[in-house]
C-alpha atoms as a PDB file:
ATOM      1  CA  MET A   1     -39.779  12.798  33.348  1.00  0.00           C
ATOM      2  CA  ARG A   2     -41.677  12.776  29.864  1.00  0.00           C
ATOM      3  CA  LEU A   3     -44.326  10.532  29.375  1.00  0.00           C
ATOM      4  CA  SER A   4     -43.859   8.312  26.075  1.00  0.00           C
ATOM      5  CA  LEU A   5     -47.115   8.568  24.096  1.00  0.00           C
ATOM      6  CA  ASP A   6     -48.357   5.914  21.212  1.00  0.00           C
ATOM      7  CA  ASP A   7     -50.682   6.433  18.801  1.00  0.00           C
ATOM      8  CA  LEU A   8     -53.720   5.348  20.740  1.00  0.00           C
ATOM      9  CA  ASP A   9     -52.729   7.956  23.539  1.00  0.00           C
ATOM     10  CA  PHE A  10     -52.805  11.196  20.617  1.00  0.00           C
ATOM     11  CA  VAL A  11     -55.967   9.474  19.157  1.00  0.00           C
ATOM     12  CA  ILE A  12     -57.868   9.104  22.761  1.00  0.00           C
ATOM     13  CA  LEU A  13     -56.318  12.680  23.774  1.00  0.00           C
ATOM     14  CA  ALA A  14     -57.790  14.145  20.440  1.00  0.00           C
ATOM     15  CA  GLU A  15     -61.595  12.516  20.868  1.00  0.00           C
ATOM     16  CA  LEU A  16     -61.644  14.234  24.567  1.00  0.00           C
ATOM     17  CA  GLU A  17     -59.917  17.463  23.528  1.00  0.00           C
ATOM     18  CA  ASN A  18     -62.942  17.260  20.788  1.00  0.00           C
ATOM     19  CA  ASN A  19     -65.627  15.810  23.058  1.00  0.00           C
ATOM     20  CA  ALA A  20     -64.649  15.368  26.894  1.00  0.00           C
ATOM     21  CA  ARG A  21     -67.641  14.222  27.699  1.00  0.00           C
ATOM     22  CA  ILE A  22     -67.702  11.292  25.218  1.00  0.00           C
ATOM     23  CA  THR A  23     -68.085   7.789  27.141  1.00  0.00           C
ATOM     24  CA  VAL A  24     -65.702   5.187  27.603  1.00  0.00           C
ATOM     25  CA  SER A  25     -67.736   2.785  25.640  1.00  0.00           C
ATOM     26  CA  GLU A  26     -68.592   5.014  22.669  1.00  0.00           C
ATOM     27  CA  LEU A  27     -64.851   6.276  22.743  1.00  0.00           C
ATOM     28  CA  ALA A  28     -63.536   2.352  22.593  1.00  0.00           C
ATOM     29  CA  ARG A  29     -66.140   1.757  19.948  1.00  0.00           C
ATOM     30  CA  ARG A  30     -64.696   4.121  17.474  1.00  0.00           C
ATOM     31  CA  LEU A  31     -61.338   3.160  18.226  1.00  0.00           C
ATOM     32  CA  GLY A  32     -61.708  -0.410  17.971  1.00  0.00           C
ATOM     33  CA  SER A  33     -60.318  -1.293  21.502  1.00  0.00           C
ATOM     34  CA  PRO A  34     -61.758  -3.100  24.760  1.00  0.00           C
ATOM     35  CA  ASN A  35     -63.327  -0.609  26.969  1.00  0.00           C
ATOM     36  CA  SER A  36     -60.569  -1.496  29.828  1.00  0.00           C
ATOM     37  CA  THR A  37     -57.957  -0.609  27.042  1.00  0.00           C
ATOM     38  CA  ILE A  38     -59.236   3.107  26.443  1.00  0.00           C
ATOM     39  CA  ARG A  39     -60.685   3.383  29.979  1.00  0.00           C
ATOM     40  CA  ASP A  40     -57.117   2.432  31.616  1.00  0.00           C
ATOM     41  CA  ARG A  41     -55.007   4.721  29.263  1.00  0.00           C
ATOM     42  CA  ILE A  42     -57.446   7.761  30.255  1.00  0.00           C
ATOM     43  CA  ARG A  43     -56.734   6.959  33.877  1.00  0.00           C
ATOM     44  CA  ALA A  44     -52.897   6.579  33.071  1.00  0.00           C
ATOM     45  CA  LEU A  45     -53.278   9.951  30.988  1.00  0.00           C
ATOM     46  CA  GLU A  46     -55.108  11.686  34.079  1.00  0.00           C
ATOM     47  CA  GLU A  47     -52.067  10.343  36.496  1.00  0.00           C
ATOM     48  CA  ASN A  48     -49.398  11.707  34.421  1.00  0.00           C
ATOM     49  CA  GLU A  49     -51.284  14.792  34.178  1.00  0.00           C
ATOM     50  CA  VAL A  50     -51.330  14.669  30.716  1.00  0.00           C
ATOM     51  CA  ILE A  51     -54.738  15.260  31.022  1.00  0.00           C
ATOM     52  CA  GLN A  52     -54.903  18.076  33.943  1.00  0.00           C
ATOM     53  CA  GLY A  53     -59.399  18.151  34.235  1.00  0.00           C
ATOM     54  CA  TYR A  54     -62.426  18.785  32.105  1.00  0.00           C
ATOM     55  CA  THR A  55     -64.083  22.238  32.006  1.00  0.00           C
ATOM     56  CA  ALA A  56     -67.067  23.333  30.536  1.00  0.00           C
ATOM     57  CA  ILE A  57     -66.602  25.959  27.653  1.00  0.00           C
ATOM     58  CA  ILE A  58     -68.852  28.931  28.445  1.00  0.00           C
ATOM     59  CA  ASP A  59     -69.860  31.520  26.083  1.00  0.00           C
ATOM     60  CA  PRO A  60     -69.536  35.027  27.186  1.00  0.00           C
ATOM     61  CA  GLU A  61     -71.491  36.704  24.953  1.00  0.00           C
ATOM     62  CA  LYS A  62     -74.249  34.527  26.806  1.00  0.00           C
ATOM     63  CA  LEU A  63     -73.526  35.929  30.355  1.00  0.00           C
ATOM     64  CA  GLY A  64     -73.928  39.122  28.908  1.00  0.00           C
ATOM     65  CA  LEU A  65     -70.549  39.932  28.206  1.00  0.00           C
ATOM     66  CA  SER A  66     -69.932  41.096  24.656  1.00  0.00           C
ATOM     67  CA  ILE A  67     -66.148  42.493  24.874  1.00  0.00           C
ATOM     68  CA  LYS A  68     -63.039  40.412  25.491  1.00  0.00           C
ATOM     69  CA  ALA A  69     -60.192  42.524  25.981  1.00  0.00           C
ATOM     70  CA  ILE A  70     -56.030  41.749  26.436  1.00  0.00           C
ATOM     71  CA  ILE A  71     -54.379  43.911  28.374  1.00  0.00           C
ATOM     72  CA  GLN A  72     -50.398  44.149  27.982  1.00  0.00           C
ATOM     73  CA  VAL A  73     -48.853  45.380  30.771  1.00  0.00           C
ATOM     74  CA  VAL A  74     -45.523  46.376  32.123  1.00  0.00           C
ATOM     75  CA  ARG A  75     -44.487  46.771  35.916  1.00  0.00           C
ATOM     76  CA  ALA A  76     -42.642  48.395  37.897  1.00  0.00           C
ATOM     77  CA  PRO A  77     -39.468  45.962  38.237  1.00  0.00           C
ATOM     78  CA  SER A  78     -40.030  46.024  41.972  1.00  0.00           C
ATOM     79  CA  VAL A  79     -43.465  44.190  41.602  1.00  0.00           C
ATOM     80  CA  SER A  80     -43.513  40.367  42.917  1.00  0.00           C
ATOM     81  CA  VAL A  81     -44.742  37.388  40.555  1.00  0.00           C
ATOM     82  CA  GLU A  82     -47.171  36.533  43.663  1.00  0.00           C
ATOM     83  CA  ALA A  83     -48.712  39.835  43.696  1.00  0.00           C
ATOM     84  CA  ILE A  84     -48.963  40.018  39.853  1.00  0.00           C
ATOM     85  CA  LEU A  85     -51.005  36.909  39.751  1.00  0.00           C
ATOM     86  CA  SER A  86     -52.966  37.616  43.451  1.00  0.00           C
ATOM     87  CA  GLU A  87     -54.250  40.717  42.682  1.00  0.00           C
ATOM     88  CA  PRO A  88     -56.563  39.865  39.877  1.00  0.00           C
ATOM     89  CA  ILE A  89     -58.202  37.742  42.112  1.00  0.00           C
ATOM     90  CA  ASP A  90     -60.503  40.498  43.506  1.00  0.00           C
ATOM     91  CA  LEU A  91     -61.303  41.499  40.065  1.00  0.00           C
ATOM     92  CA  PRO A  92     -64.194  39.201  38.495  1.00  0.00           C
ATOM     93  CA  GLU A  93     -63.838  40.576  35.240  1.00  0.00           C
ATOM     94  CA  ILE A  94     -59.918  39.434  34.772  1.00  0.00           C
ATOM     95  CA  THR A  95     -60.110  35.585  33.329  1.00  0.00           C
ATOM     96  CA  ASN A  96     -56.412  34.679  32.349  1.00  0.00           C
ATOM     97  CA  VAL A  97     -53.030  36.028  33.302  1.00  0.00           C
ATOM     98  CA  GLN A  98     -49.799  35.270  31.644  1.00  0.00           C
ATOM     99  CA  ILE A  99     -46.456  35.982  32.976  1.00  0.00           C
ATOM    100  CA  LEU A 100     -43.891  36.708  29.850  1.00  0.00           C
ATOM    101  CA  THR A 101     -40.545  37.719  28.969  1.00  0.00           C
ATOM    102  CA  GLY A 102     -39.344  40.440  26.969  1.00  0.00           C
ATOM    103  CA  ASN A 103     -40.660  43.774  27.094  1.00  0.00           C
ATOM    104  CA  ILE A 104     -44.191  42.987  28.347  1.00  0.00           C
ATOM    105  CA  ASP A 105     -44.763  41.027  31.678  1.00  0.00           C
ATOM    106  CA  GLU A 106     -47.790  39.946  31.722  1.00  0.00           C
ATOM    107  CA  LEU A 107     -51.412  39.701  29.276  1.00  0.00           C
ATOM    108  CA  ILE A 108     -54.190  40.028  31.164  1.00  0.00           C
ATOM    109  CA  THR A 109     -57.369  38.735  29.434  1.00  0.00           C
ATOM    110  CA  ILE A 110     -60.846  40.643  30.900  1.00  0.00           C
ATOM    111  CA  TYR A 111     -64.570  40.597  30.181  1.00  0.00           C
ATOM    112  CA  ALA A 112     -66.455  43.535  29.830  1.00  0.00           C
ATOM    113  CA  ARG A 113     -70.260  44.230  29.192  1.00  0.00           C
ATOM    114  CA  ASP A 114     -70.194  47.446  26.784  1.00  0.00           C
ATOM    115  CA  VAL A 115     -67.496  49.570  25.681  1.00  0.00           C
ATOM    116  CA  ASP A 116     -68.466  51.790  29.228  1.00  0.00           C
ATOM    117  CA  HIS A 117     -67.930  48.662  31.418  1.00  0.00           C
ATOM    118  CA  LEU A 118     -64.639  48.361  29.974  1.00  0.00           C
ATOM    119  CA  LYS A 119     -63.702  52.040  30.124  1.00  0.00           C
ATOM    120  CA  GLU A 120     -64.608  51.535  34.114  1.00  0.00           C
ATOM    121  CA  ILE A 121     -62.717  48.349  34.444  1.00  0.00           C
ATOM    122  CA  LEU A 122     -59.253  49.852  33.129  1.00  0.00           C
ATOM    123  CA  PHE A 123     -58.941  52.706  34.683  1.00  0.00           C
ATOM    124  CA  GLU A 124     -61.396  52.792  37.667  1.00  0.00           C
ATOM    125  CA  LYS A 125     -59.942  49.178  38.496  1.00  0.00           C
ATOM    126  CA  PHE A 126     -57.250  48.409  36.724  1.00  0.00           C
ATOM    127  CA  GLY A 127     -55.329  51.518  36.795  1.00  0.00           C
ATOM    128  CA  HIS A 128     -54.786  51.234  40.171  1.00  0.00           C
ATOM    129  CA  PHE A 129     -52.871  47.949  40.506  1.00  0.00           C
ATOM    130  CA  PRO A 130     -49.210  48.480  41.832  1.00  0.00           C
ATOM    131  CA  GLY A 131     -46.407  48.972  39.685  1.00  0.00           C
ATOM    132  CA  VAL A 132     -48.028  49.732  36.772  1.00  0.00           C
ATOM    133  CA  ILE A 133     -45.740  51.814  34.260  1.00  0.00           C
ATOM    134  CA  ASN A 134     -48.146  51.063  30.860  1.00  0.00           C
ATOM    135  CA  TRP A 135     -50.789  49.290  30.050  1.00  0.00           C
ATOM    136  CA  SER A 136     -52.336  48.663  26.307  1.00  0.00           C
ATOM    137  CA  THR A 137     -55.529  47.411  25.431  1.00  0.00           C
ATOM    138  CA  ALA A 138     -56.383  45.329  22.656  1.00  0.00           C
ATOM    139  CA  ILE A 139     -59.917  44.363  21.907  1.00  0.00           C
ATOM    140  CA  VAL A 140     -60.590  40.936  20.482  1.00  0.00           C
ATOM    141  CA  LEU A 141     -62.487  40.925  17.383  1.00  0.00           C
ATOM    142  CA  ASP A 142     -62.601  36.931  16.547  1.00  0.00           C
ATOM    143  CA  LYS A 143     -60.599  33.857  17.171  1.00  0.00           C
ATOM    144  CA  LYS A 144     -60.558  30.200  16.167  1.00  0.00           C
ATOM    145  CA  SER A 145     -58.714  27.900  18.147  1.00  0.00           C
ATOM    146  CA  PHE A 146     -56.593  24.752  17.226  1.00  0.00           C
ATOM    147  CA  PRO A 147     -56.826  21.638  19.501  1.00  0.00           C
ATOM    148  CA  LEU A 148     -53.166  21.045  20.743  1.00  0.00           C
ATOM    149  CA  THR A 149     -53.529  16.975  19.702  1.00  0.00           C
ATOM    150  CA  ARG A 150     -53.930  18.392  16.163  1.00  0.00           C
ATOM    151  CA  ARG A 151     -49.997  19.912  16.233  1.00  0.00           C
ATOM    152  CA  PHE A 152     -48.223  17.397  17.973  1.00  0.00           C
ATOM    153  CA  ARG A 153     -47.450  13.275  17.302  1.00  0.00           C
ATOM    154  CA  PRO A 154     -45.339  11.039  18.898  1.00  0.00           C
ATOM    155  CA  GLN A 155     -41.604  11.427  18.232  1.00  0.00           C
ATOM    156  CA  GLU A 156     -40.060   8.949  16.084  1.00  0.00           C
ATOM    157  CA  SER A 157     -37.991   7.987  19.465  1.00  0.00           C
ATOM    158  CA  ASP A 158     -40.747   7.317  21.444  1.00  0.00           C
ATOM    159  CA  GLN A 159     -41.932   4.984  19.356  1.00  0.00           C
ATOM    160  CA  GLU A 160     -38.770   2.852  18.946  1.00  0.00           C
ATOM    161  CA  SER A 161     -38.525   3.088  22.460  1.00  0.00           C
ATOM    162  CA  ARG A 162     -41.830   1.635  23.067  1.00  0.00           C
ATOM    163  CA  GLY A 163     -41.254  -1.462  20.845  1.00  0.00           C
ATOM    164  CA  SER A 164     -43.443  -0.155  17.658  1.00  0.00           C
END
């Protein structure tokens, strides 16, 4: 079942997406709503798993990881999804695995200290994963993230169903 969200929910989500450490009282002050309303809305968003958690954003360069690379992988059809998702656990440089449809089976995000470290990961560690038929590595030169809440607003039907 899809949860109906209204404008207040989206504003709360946008504020939390911008700063997850904002206090309920500060958020309520900014939005001109009672603390209890904001607290209850956040609790409902958490319980309905719209908000799935809160996290710290770590700067990889501050940890000595200056290279971010994306590996496009093609695997043999016999390799199970479970194997694809469990193998990266043993490789600490892998931070994300996405299973795809189409010609590429997965995208793997890794961080490396430098080019020599990247080469070591690719040829001494990653290259031994079972069923890898082909892979292609791209180094990320720059990135820009866009908040999810900036892209989506309540649908007209959601507004009407809530009596807005």
